Amino acid sequence: MLTAKLRGVLTATVLAVSLTMLTAACGRQPHSGGPGIHPIDGTSPAVVLEPPGPAGSDGKKVSAWVAYFSSSARVVAGVHEVLRDRGELDRFVGRAAPNDPKAAAEIVAASGTTNFSRYVLVGWTATTGCSAATSATLTRSGDVLKVRVSQPEPPPECLTPFVVTVVFAEPKALIPADPAFG
């Protein structure tokens, strides 16, 4: 049986280690050099965080319409695909927001009326670190699609990283038949 003093020391140690691990998770991101521009963690190299412009240096801006945009901590990061019909949209929602029925319903409501005979959807989720994304742009260079995300300066500490979810509606002619996600 532990004495009260030893039990107190163990409790304090466990609490200190837990708090150290939680605060180290997000707030120590290196700055990329530009105002309001921050790199994400290494889990989704296809997302380049910089303000969207008329054309990125890597390629031509293709996003004509953002059907859905959200930044939260409840969706799964690292999901990206071209959605060519309602069934693919439903499968994307199942992979991107399996534990968030509200986000799933919002994605379907915002994207479900797409005319798939003329348009495709490009769905993308990615971790953006400790600050919420404020906008996203889809770019294309050859057959490679990339998303550029803008976000504010992250706070010095955070408990949970944000995940951006964006669904772009694009004319079929602008999206390669078998794109790579870079």
N, C-alpha and C. Protein backbone atom coordinates (compact mmCIF):
# COMPACT_ATOMS: atom_id res chain seq x y z
N MET A 1 0.84 -1.18 0.00
CA MET A 1 0.00 0.00 0.00
C MET A 1 0.89 1.24 0.00
N LEU A 2 0.58 2.17 -0.90
CA LEU A 2 1.37 3.39 -1.03
C LEU A 2 1.01 4.39 0.06
N THR A 3 2.01 5.07 0.54
CA THR A 3 1.73 6.11 1.52
C THR A 3 1.12 7.30 0.80
N ALA A 4 0.48 8.15 1.52
CA ALA A 4 -0.18 9.32 0.93
C ALA A 4 0.83 10.23 0.25
N LYS A 5 2.02 10.38 0.82
CA LYS A 5 3.04 11.25 0.24
C LYS A 5 3.52 10.69 -1.10
N LEU A 6 3.80 9.39 -1.17
CA LEU A 6 4.26 8.76 -2.41
C LEU A 6 3.17 8.81 -3.48
N ARG A 7 1.93 8.58 -3.08
CA ARG A 7 0.81 8.66 -4.01
C ARG A 7 0.68 10.07 -4.59
N GLY A 8 0.89 11.09 -3.79
CA GLY A 8 0.84 12.47 -4.26
C GLY A 8 1.95 12.77 -5.26
N VAL A 9 3.15 12.26 -4.99
CA VAL A 9 4.28 12.46 -5.90
C VAL A 9 4.00 11.77 -7.24
N LEU A 10 3.49 10.55 -7.21
CA LEU A 10 3.17 9.82 -8.45
C LEU A 10 2.09 10.55 -9.25
N THR A 11 1.07 11.02 -8.58
CA THR A 11 0.00 11.75 -9.25
C THR A 11 0.53 13.01 -9.91
N ALA A 12 1.36 13.76 -9.21
CA ALA A 12 1.94 14.99 -9.77
C ALA A 12 2.83 14.68 -10.96
N THR A 13 3.59 13.60 -10.90
CA THR A 13 4.47 13.22 -12.00
C THR A 13 3.66 12.85 -13.24
N VAL A 14 2.64 12.04 -13.07
CA VAL A 14 1.79 11.65 -14.20
C VAL A 14 1.12 12.88 -14.81
N LEU A 15 0.63 13.78 -14.00
CA LEU A 15 0.00 15.00 -14.49
C LEU A 15 1.01 15.86 -15.26
N ALA A 16 2.21 16.01 -14.75
CA ALA A 16 3.23 16.83 -15.42
C ALA A 16 3.61 16.24 -16.77
N VAL A 17 3.79 14.93 -16.83
CA VAL A 17 4.13 14.27 -18.10
C VAL A 17 2.99 14.43 -19.10
N SER A 18 1.76 14.24 -18.66
CA SER A 18 0.60 14.39 -19.55
C SER A 18 0.50 15.79 -20.12
N LEU A 19 0.64 16.79 -19.28
CA LEU A 19 0.56 18.17 -19.75
C LEU A 19 1.69 18.52 -20.70
N THR A 20 2.88 18.02 -20.43
CA THR A 20 4.02 18.27 -21.32
C THR A 20 3.76 17.68 -22.69
N MET A 21 3.25 16.47 -22.75
CA MET A 21 2.97 15.82 -24.04
C MET A 21 1.88 16.56 -24.80
N LEU A 22 0.84 16.99 -24.12
CA LEU A 22 -0.26 17.69 -24.79
C LEU A 22 0.17 19.04 -25.34
N THR A 23 0.93 19.80 -24.57
CA THR A 23 1.32 21.14 -25.04
C THR A 23 2.40 21.08 -26.10
N ALA A 24 3.16 20.02 -26.16
CA ALA A 24 4.21 19.91 -27.18
C ALA A 24 3.65 19.48 -28.53
N ALA A 25 2.43 19.01 -28.58
CA ALA A 25 1.88 18.44 -29.81
C ALA A 25 1.77 19.44 -30.94
N CYS A 26 1.40 20.68 -30.67
CA CYS A 26 1.12 21.60 -31.78
C CYS A 26 1.90 22.89 -31.75
N GLY A 27 2.19 23.40 -30.61
CA GLY A 27 2.69 24.76 -30.52
C GLY A 27 4.14 24.95 -30.93
N ARG A 28 4.82 23.94 -31.33
CA ARG A 28 6.23 24.06 -31.64
C ARG A 28 6.50 23.94 -33.14
N GLN A 29 5.57 24.36 -33.96
CA GLN A 29 5.76 24.28 -35.40
C GLN A 29 6.75 25.35 -35.85
N PRO A 30 7.68 25.00 -36.74
CA PRO A 30 8.58 26.02 -37.25
C PRO A 30 7.85 26.98 -38.17
N HIS A 31 8.27 28.23 -38.17
CA HIS A 31 7.64 29.24 -39.02
C HIS A 31 8.24 29.17 -40.41
N SER A 32 7.43 29.31 -41.44
CA SER A 32 7.92 29.17 -42.81
C SER A 32 8.45 30.47 -43.38
N GLY A 33 8.35 31.57 -42.66
CA GLY A 33 8.94 32.80 -43.13
C GLY A 33 7.95 33.84 -43.60
N GLY A 34 6.76 33.48 -43.94
CA GLY A 34 5.79 34.44 -44.43
C GLY A 34 4.75 34.76 -43.38
N PRO A 35 4.16 35.94 -43.45
CA PRO A 35 3.14 36.29 -42.47
C PRO A 35 1.90 35.42 -42.65
N GLY A 36 1.48 34.78 -41.57
CA GLY A 36 0.27 33.98 -41.61
C GLY A 36 0.41 32.69 -42.39
N ILE A 37 1.63 32.26 -42.66
CA ILE A 37 1.84 31.06 -43.45
C ILE A 37 2.63 30.07 -42.61
N HIS A 38 2.09 28.88 -42.43
CA HIS A 38 2.74 27.92 -41.55
C HIS A 38 2.69 26.54 -42.16
N PRO A 39 3.78 25.78 -42.01
CA PRO A 39 3.77 24.42 -42.53
C PRO A 39 2.91 23.53 -41.66
N ILE A 40 2.36 22.50 -42.27
CA ILE A 40 1.60 21.53 -41.50
C ILE A 40 2.55 20.47 -40.99
N ASP A 41 2.02 19.56 -40.19
CA ASP A 41 2.85 18.44 -39.77
C ASP A 41 3.05 17.52 -40.97
N GLY A 42 3.88 16.53 -40.84
CA GLY A 42 4.25 15.69 -41.97
C GLY A 42 3.20 14.68 -42.40
N THR A 43 1.99 14.70 -41.85
CA THR A 43 1.02 13.66 -42.17
C THR A 43 0.37 13.84 -43.52
N SER A 44 0.42 15.02 -44.10
CA SER A 44 -0.24 15.23 -45.37
C SER A 44 0.59 16.15 -46.25
N PRO A 45 1.62 15.62 -46.91
CA PRO A 45 2.53 16.47 -47.67
C PRO A 45 1.88 17.14 -48.87
N ALA A 46 0.68 16.78 -49.23
CA ALA A 46 0.04 17.37 -50.40
C ALA A 46 -0.51 18.75 -50.12
N VAL A 47 -0.59 19.15 -48.88
CA VAL A 47 -1.13 20.46 -48.57
C VAL A 47 0.01 21.44 -48.36
N VAL A 48 0.00 22.52 -49.09
CA VAL A 48 1.00 23.57 -48.96
C VAL A 48 0.29 24.77 -48.37
N LEU A 49 0.75 25.23 -47.22
CA LEU A 49 0.06 26.33 -46.56
C LEU A 49 0.63 27.65 -47.02
N GLU A 50 -0.12 28.35 -47.83
CA GLU A 50 0.22 29.70 -48.25
C GLU A 50 -1.06 30.35 -48.74
N PRO A 51 -1.09 31.68 -48.75
CA PRO A 51 -2.30 32.33 -49.20
C PRO A 51 -2.62 31.94 -50.64
N PRO A 52 -3.88 31.61 -50.93
CA PRO A 52 -4.22 31.28 -52.31
C PRO A 52 -4.10 32.50 -53.20
N GLY A 53 -3.66 32.29 -54.40
CA GLY A 53 -3.52 33.38 -55.36
C GLY A 53 -4.11 32.97 -56.69
N PRO A 54 -3.96 33.82 -57.70
CA PRO A 54 -4.52 33.50 -59.00
C PRO A 54 -3.89 32.27 -59.63
N ALA A 55 -2.63 32.01 -59.34
CA ALA A 55 -1.98 30.80 -59.82
C ALA A 55 -0.80 30.51 -58.91
N GLY A 56 -0.75 29.31 -58.37
CA GLY A 56 0.37 28.94 -57.52
C GLY A 56 1.61 28.71 -58.35
N SER A 57 2.78 28.77 -57.72
CA SER A 57 4.02 28.56 -58.46
C SER A 57 4.12 27.14 -58.97
N ASP A 58 3.40 26.22 -58.34
CA ASP A 58 3.45 24.82 -58.77
C ASP A 58 2.48 24.51 -59.90
N GLY A 59 1.55 25.38 -60.15
CA GLY A 59 0.58 25.04 -61.18
C GLY A 59 -0.53 26.05 -61.29
N LYS A 60 -1.44 25.75 -62.15
CA LYS A 60 -2.56 26.62 -62.46
C LYS A 60 -3.68 26.42 -61.45
N LYS A 61 -4.24 27.51 -60.98
CA LYS A 61 -5.39 27.44 -60.08
C LYS A 61 -6.57 26.88 -60.86
N VAL A 62 -7.22 25.86 -60.31
CA VAL A 62 -8.36 25.28 -61.00
C VAL A 62 -9.66 25.39 -60.22
N SER A 63 -9.60 25.68 -58.94
CA SER A 63 -10.83 25.64 -58.15
C SER A 63 -11.77 26.76 -58.54
N ALA A 64 -12.90 26.36 -59.06
CA ALA A 64 -13.92 27.31 -59.49
C ALA A 64 -14.94 27.55 -58.39
N TRP A 65 -15.19 26.54 -57.58
CA TRP A 65 -16.26 26.66 -56.59
C TRP A 65 -15.94 25.76 -55.40
N VAL A 66 -15.95 26.33 -54.21
CA VAL A 66 -15.79 25.54 -53.00
C VAL A 66 -17.18 25.15 -52.54
N ALA A 67 -17.49 23.88 -52.66
CA ALA A 67 -18.82 23.39 -52.28
C ALA A 67 -18.94 23.26 -50.77
N TYR A 68 -17.84 22.93 -50.10
CA TYR A 68 -17.87 22.75 -48.65
C TYR A 68 -16.49 23.10 -48.09
N PHE A 69 -16.47 23.77 -46.95
CA PHE A 69 -15.21 24.11 -46.28
C PHE A 69 -15.45 24.11 -44.78
N SER A 70 -14.57 23.44 -44.05
CA SER A 70 -14.66 23.42 -42.60
C SER A 70 -13.28 23.15 -42.02
N SER A 71 -13.04 23.70 -40.85
CA SER A 71 -11.81 23.41 -40.12
C SER A 71 -12.21 23.00 -38.72
N SER A 72 -11.94 21.75 -38.38
CA SER A 72 -12.32 21.24 -37.07
C SER A 72 -11.33 20.17 -36.64
N ALA A 73 -11.59 19.55 -35.54
CA ALA A 73 -10.72 18.49 -35.04
C ALA A 73 -11.40 17.13 -35.10
N ARG A 74 -12.60 17.06 -35.67
CA ARG A 74 -13.37 15.83 -35.57
C ARG A 74 -13.30 14.92 -36.80
N VAL A 75 -12.69 15.37 -37.88
CA VAL A 75 -12.66 14.55 -39.09
C VAL A 75 -11.31 13.86 -39.25
N VAL A 76 -11.23 12.93 -40.17
CA VAL A 76 -10.01 12.16 -40.41
C VAL A 76 -9.14 12.89 -41.43
N ALA A 77 -7.88 13.09 -41.11
CA ALA A 77 -6.95 13.76 -42.03
C ALA A 77 -6.40 12.77 -43.05
N GLY A 78 -5.95 13.30 -44.18
CA GLY A 78 -5.27 12.48 -45.18
C GLY A 78 -6.17 11.82 -46.19
N VAL A 79 -7.42 12.25 -46.30
CA VAL A 79 -8.33 11.69 -47.29
C VAL A 79 -8.38 12.67 -48.46
N HIS A 80 -8.11 12.20 -49.66
CA HIS A 80 -8.20 13.06 -50.84
C HIS A 80 -8.53 12.20 -52.05
N GLU A 81 -9.54 12.63 -52.79
CA GLU A 81 -9.94 11.87 -53.97
C GLU A 81 -10.87 12.68 -54.86
N VAL A 82 -10.93 12.25 -56.11
CA VAL A 82 -11.86 12.84 -57.07
C VAL A 82 -13.15 12.03 -56.99
N LEU A 83 -14.26 12.75 -56.87
CA LEU A 83 -15.58 12.12 -56.70
C LEU A 83 -16.38 12.35 -57.98
N ARG A 84 -16.65 11.27 -58.70
CA ARG A 84 -17.28 11.38 -60.02
C ARG A 84 -18.77 11.05 -60.02
N ASP A 85 -19.30 10.61 -58.88
CA ASP A 85 -20.74 10.34 -58.79
C ASP A 85 -21.18 10.39 -57.33
N ARG A 86 -22.47 10.26 -57.11
CA ARG A 86 -23.03 10.35 -55.75
C ARG A 86 -22.50 9.24 -54.85
N GLY A 87 -22.30 8.04 -55.40
CA GLY A 87 -21.77 6.93 -54.61
C GLY A 87 -20.37 7.23 -54.08
N GLU A 88 -19.52 7.83 -54.94
CA GLU A 88 -18.17 8.19 -54.50
C GLU A 88 -18.21 9.31 -53.46
N LEU A 89 -19.17 10.23 -53.59
CA LEU A 89 -19.34 11.27 -52.57
C LEU A 89 -19.70 10.63 -51.23
N ASP A 90 -20.63 9.69 -51.24
CA ASP A 90 -21.03 9.02 -50.00
C ASP A 90 -19.87 8.25 -49.38
N ARG A 91 -19.05 7.59 -50.20
CA ARG A 91 -17.89 6.86 -49.68
C ARG A 91 -16.85 7.83 -49.09
N PHE A 92 -16.64 8.97 -49.76
CA PHE A 92 -15.72 9.98 -49.23
C PHE A 92 -16.18 10.46 -47.86
N VAL A 93 -17.46 10.75 -47.74
CA VAL A 93 -18.01 11.22 -46.46
C VAL A 93 -17.80 10.16 -45.37
N GLY A 94 -17.99 8.88 -45.73
CA GLY A 94 -17.78 7.81 -44.77
C GLY A 94 -16.34 7.70 -44.30
N ARG A 95 -15.39 7.99 -45.18
CA ARG A 95 -13.97 7.92 -44.81
C ARG A 95 -13.52 9.19 -44.10
N ALA A 96 -14.02 10.34 -44.52
CA ALA A 96 -13.55 11.62 -43.97
C ALA A 96 -14.21 11.96 -42.63
N ALA A 97 -15.46 11.61 -42.46
CA ALA A 97 -16.18 12.00 -41.24
C ALA A 97 -16.95 10.83 -40.64
N PRO A 98 -16.26 9.71 -40.36
CA PRO A 98 -16.99 8.55 -39.85
C PRO A 98 -17.58 8.75 -38.45
N ASN A 99 -17.01 9.64 -37.67
CA ASN A 99 -17.47 9.86 -36.30
C ASN A 99 -18.10 11.23 -36.10
N ASP A 100 -18.41 11.90 -37.18
CA ASP A 100 -19.00 13.23 -37.09
C ASP A 100 -20.21 13.32 -38.01
N PRO A 101 -21.37 12.85 -37.55
CA PRO A 101 -22.56 12.85 -38.41
C PRO A 101 -22.97 14.25 -38.87
N LYS A 102 -22.70 15.27 -38.06
CA LYS A 102 -23.05 16.63 -38.47
C LYS A 102 -22.21 17.05 -39.68
N ALA A 103 -20.90 16.83 -39.63
CA ALA A 103 -20.03 17.17 -40.77
C ALA A 103 -20.42 16.35 -41.99
N ALA A 104 -20.70 15.07 -41.80
CA ALA A 104 -21.10 14.21 -42.92
C ALA A 104 -22.36 14.75 -43.59
N ALA A 105 -23.34 15.12 -42.80
CA ALA A 105 -24.59 15.66 -43.35
C ALA A 105 -24.35 16.99 -44.06
N GLU A 106 -23.49 17.84 -43.50
CA GLU A 106 -23.20 19.14 -44.13
C GLU A 106 -22.48 18.96 -45.47
N ILE A 107 -21.54 18.01 -45.55
CA ILE A 107 -20.83 17.77 -46.80
C ILE A 107 -21.81 17.29 -47.87
N VAL A 108 -22.67 16.35 -47.52
CA VAL A 108 -23.66 15.84 -48.48
C VAL A 108 -24.64 16.93 -48.88
N ALA A 109 -25.10 17.72 -47.93
CA ALA A 109 -26.06 18.80 -48.25
C ALA A 109 -25.43 19.83 -49.18
N ALA A 110 -24.16 20.16 -48.95
CA ALA A 110 -23.49 21.18 -49.75
C ALA A 110 -23.08 20.67 -51.13
N SER A 111 -22.83 19.37 -51.24
CA SER A 111 -22.28 18.82 -52.48
C SER A 111 -23.24 17.90 -53.22
N GLY A 112 -24.29 17.48 -52.57
CA GLY A 112 -25.18 16.45 -53.12
C GLY A 112 -25.96 16.83 -54.35
N THR A 113 -26.07 18.11 -54.67
CA THR A 113 -26.83 18.52 -55.86
C THR A 113 -25.93 18.73 -57.08
N THR A 114 -24.68 18.29 -56.99
CA THR A 114 -23.74 18.46 -58.10
C THR A 114 -24.24 17.73 -59.34
N ASN A 115 -24.12 18.39 -60.48
CA ASN A 115 -24.45 17.78 -61.78
C ASN A 115 -23.22 17.00 -62.23
N PHE A 116 -23.19 15.70 -61.92
CA PHE A 116 -22.01 14.89 -62.21
C PHE A 116 -21.81 14.63 -63.70
N SER A 117 -22.75 15.00 -64.53
CA SER A 117 -22.53 14.86 -65.98
C SER A 117 -21.59 15.96 -66.48
N ARG A 118 -21.48 17.07 -65.74
CA ARG A 118 -20.62 18.18 -66.16
C ARG A 118 -19.48 18.48 -65.18
N TYR A 119 -19.66 18.10 -63.93
CA TYR A 119 -18.69 18.44 -62.88
C TYR A 119 -18.22 17.21 -62.13
N VAL A 120 -17.06 17.33 -61.51
CA VAL A 120 -16.58 16.36 -60.53
C VAL A 120 -16.33 17.13 -59.24
N LEU A 121 -16.27 16.41 -58.16
CA LEU A 121 -15.91 16.99 -56.87
C LEU A 121 -14.52 16.50 -56.51
N VAL A 122 -13.74 17.35 -55.89
CA VAL A 122 -12.45 16.94 -55.34
C VAL A 122 -12.55 17.14 -53.84
N GLY A 123 -12.55 16.03 -53.10
CA GLY A 123 -12.64 16.08 -51.65
C GLY A 123 -11.27 15.93 -51.03
N TRP A 124 -11.00 16.70 -49.98
CA TRP A 124 -9.65 16.71 -49.40
C TRP A 124 -9.74 17.01 -47.91
N THR A 125 -9.03 16.24 -47.11
CA THR A 125 -8.86 16.56 -45.68
C THR A 125 -7.38 16.53 -45.36
N ALA A 126 -6.94 17.42 -44.48
CA ALA A 126 -5.53 17.47 -44.10
C ALA A 126 -5.37 18.17 -42.76
N THR A 127 -4.40 17.74 -41.99
CA THR A 127 -4.07 18.38 -40.73
C THR A 127 -3.38 19.71 -41.01
N THR A 128 -3.83 20.75 -40.33
CA THR A 128 -3.23 22.08 -40.51
C THR A 128 -2.52 22.56 -39.25
N GLY A 129 -2.33 21.71 -38.29
CA GLY A 129 -1.63 22.11 -37.08
C GLY A 129 -2.56 22.79 -36.10
N CYS A 130 -2.05 23.78 -35.41
CA CYS A 130 -2.77 24.38 -34.28
C CYS A 130 -3.54 25.64 -34.60
N SER A 131 -3.70 25.97 -35.86
CA SER A 131 -4.60 27.08 -36.18
C SER A 131 -5.54 26.63 -37.29
N ALA A 132 -6.75 27.13 -37.22
CA ALA A 132 -7.79 26.73 -38.17
C ALA A 132 -7.56 27.39 -39.52
N ALA A 133 -7.69 26.60 -40.57
CA ALA A 133 -7.57 27.13 -41.93
C ALA A 133 -8.71 28.11 -42.19
N THR A 134 -8.42 29.14 -43.00
CA THR A 134 -9.44 30.14 -43.32
C THR A 134 -9.88 30.09 -44.78
N SER A 135 -9.07 29.50 -45.65
CA SER A 135 -9.45 29.35 -47.06
C SER A 135 -8.59 28.27 -47.70
N ALA A 136 -9.04 27.79 -48.86
CA ALA A 136 -8.30 26.76 -49.58
C ALA A 136 -8.48 26.96 -51.07
N THR A 137 -7.44 26.60 -51.82
CA THR A 137 -7.46 26.70 -53.28
C THR A 137 -6.89 25.41 -53.85
N LEU A 138 -7.50 24.91 -54.89
CA LEU A 138 -7.01 23.72 -55.58
C LEU A 138 -6.18 24.15 -56.77
N THR A 139 -4.98 23.57 -56.91
CA THR A 139 -4.13 23.86 -58.07
C THR A 139 -3.80 22.56 -58.79
N ARG A 140 -3.43 22.72 -60.05
CA ARG A 140 -3.06 21.56 -60.87
C ARG A 140 -1.78 21.87 -61.62
N SER A 141 -0.86 20.92 -61.61
CA SER A 141 0.35 20.99 -62.41
C SER A 141 0.47 19.65 -63.12
N GLY A 142 0.18 19.63 -64.42
CA GLY A 142 0.11 18.36 -65.14
C GLY A 142 -1.04 17.54 -64.59
N ASP A 143 -0.73 16.33 -64.14
CA ASP A 143 -1.75 15.47 -63.56
C ASP A 143 -1.73 15.48 -62.03
N VAL A 144 -1.02 16.44 -61.44
CA VAL A 144 -0.89 16.50 -59.99
C VAL A 144 -1.80 17.60 -59.43
N LEU A 145 -2.65 17.22 -58.49
CA LEU A 145 -3.52 18.17 -57.79
C LEU A 145 -2.92 18.47 -56.42
N LYS A 146 -2.97 19.74 -56.02
CA LYS A 146 -2.52 20.16 -54.69
C LYS A 146 -3.55 21.12 -54.12
N VAL A 147 -3.60 21.18 -52.81
CA VAL A 147 -4.44 22.15 -52.13
C VAL A 147 -3.53 23.13 -51.40
N ARG A 148 -3.83 24.40 -51.54
CA ARG A 148 -3.13 25.46 -50.81
C ARG A 148 -4.11 26.00 -49.78
N VAL A 149 -3.63 26.07 -48.54
CA VAL A 149 -4.49 26.48 -47.43
C VAL A 149 -3.89 27.70 -46.76
N SER A 150 -4.73 28.67 -46.45
CA SER A 150 -4.33 29.87 -45.72
C SER A 150 -4.83 29.74 -44.29
N GLN A 151 -4.02 30.23 -43.34
CA GLN A 151 -4.42 30.16 -41.94
C GLN A 151 -3.67 31.21 -41.13
N PRO A 152 -4.22 31.60 -39.97
CA PRO A 152 -3.54 32.59 -39.13
C PRO A 152 -2.39 31.97 -38.35
N GLU A 153 -1.65 32.83 -37.69
CA GLU A 153 -0.55 32.41 -36.81
C GLU A 153 -1.09 31.45 -35.76
N PRO A 154 -0.43 30.29 -35.55
CA PRO A 154 -0.93 29.37 -34.53
C PRO A 154 -0.63 29.88 -33.13
N PRO A 155 -1.43 29.48 -32.15
CA PRO A 155 -1.15 29.87 -30.77
C PRO A 155 0.10 29.13 -30.27
N PRO A 156 0.70 29.60 -29.18
CA PRO A 156 1.90 28.94 -28.67
C PRO A 156 1.63 27.53 -28.15
N GLU A 157 0.40 27.25 -27.77
CA GLU A 157 0.05 25.93 -27.25
C GLU A 157 -1.31 25.52 -27.80
N CYS A 158 -1.51 24.23 -27.93
CA CYS A 158 -2.85 23.73 -28.25
C CYS A 158 -2.94 22.28 -27.82
N LEU A 159 -4.15 21.80 -27.69
CA LEU A 159 -4.36 20.43 -27.27
C LEU A 159 -4.67 19.50 -28.44
N THR A 160 -5.29 20.02 -29.48
CA THR A 160 -5.71 19.19 -30.60
C THR A 160 -5.46 19.92 -31.91
N PRO A 161 -4.82 19.27 -32.87
CA PRO A 161 -4.62 19.93 -34.17
C PRO A 161 -5.92 20.03 -34.95
N PHE A 162 -5.99 21.01 -35.82
CA PHE A 162 -7.15 21.19 -36.69
C PHE A 162 -7.00 20.36 -37.96
N VAL A 163 -8.13 19.98 -38.52
CA VAL A 163 -8.17 19.29 -39.81
C VAL A 163 -9.07 20.10 -40.72
N VAL A 164 -8.55 20.47 -41.90
CA VAL A 164 -9.37 21.17 -42.88
C VAL A 164 -10.06 20.13 -43.74
N THR A 165 -11.33 20.36 -44.02
CA THR A 165 -12.10 19.54 -44.95
C THR A 165 -12.60 20.48 -46.02
N VAL A 166 -12.28 20.18 -47.27
CA VAL A 166 -12.73 21.03 -48.37
C VAL A 166 -13.17 20.14 -49.53
N VAL A 167 -14.28 20.53 -50.14
CA VAL A 167 -14.78 19.85 -51.34
C VAL A 167 -14.92 20.90 -52.42
N PHE A 168 -14.19 20.72 -53.50
CA PHE A 168 -14.24 21.62 -54.65
C PHE A 168 -15.13 21.01 -55.72
N ALA A 169 -15.91 21.83 -56.40
CA ALA A 169 -16.66 21.40 -57.58
C ALA A 169 -15.95 21.97 -58.79
N GLU A 170 -15.57 21.09 -59.71
CA GLU A 170 -14.77 21.49 -60.87
C GLU A 170 -15.37 20.96 -62.16
N PRO A 171 -15.26 21.71 -63.25
CA PRO A 171 -15.64 21.16 -64.54
C PRO A 171 -14.78 19.92 -64.84
N LYS A 172 -15.40 18.89 -65.39
CA LYS A 172 -14.67 17.64 -65.67
C LYS A 172 -13.40 17.87 -66.48
N ALA A 173 -13.43 18.81 -67.41
CA ALA A 173 -12.30 19.04 -68.30
C ALA A 173 -11.05 19.52 -67.56
N LEU A 174 -11.20 20.10 -66.38
CA LEU A 174 -10.06 20.63 -65.63
C LEU A 174 -9.37 19.60 -64.76
N ILE A 175 -9.98 18.45 -64.55
CA ILE A 175 -9.43 17.45 -63.64
C ILE A 175 -8.95 16.25 -64.45
N PRO A 176 -7.70 15.82 -64.26
CA PRO A 176 -7.18 14.65 -64.99
C PRO A 176 -8.00 13.40 -64.69
N ALA A 177 -8.01 12.48 -65.64
CA ALA A 177 -8.76 11.24 -65.47
C ALA A 177 -8.24 10.43 -64.28
N ASP A 178 -6.94 10.40 -64.09
CA ASP A 178 -6.32 9.64 -63.00
C ASP A 178 -5.27 10.53 -62.33
N PRO A 179 -5.69 11.50 -61.53
CA PRO A 179 -4.73 12.46 -60.97
C PRO A 179 -3.89 11.87 -59.85
N ALA A 180 -2.73 12.47 -59.67
CA ALA A 180 -1.91 12.20 -58.50
C ALA A 180 -2.17 13.34 -57.52
N PHE A 181 -2.05 13.03 -56.24
CA PHE A 181 -2.25 14.05 -55.22
C PHE A 181 -0.88 14.36 -54.65
N GLY A 182 -0.38 15.56 -54.93
CA GLY A 182 0.98 15.90 -54.56
C GLY A 182 1.09 16.86 -53.43
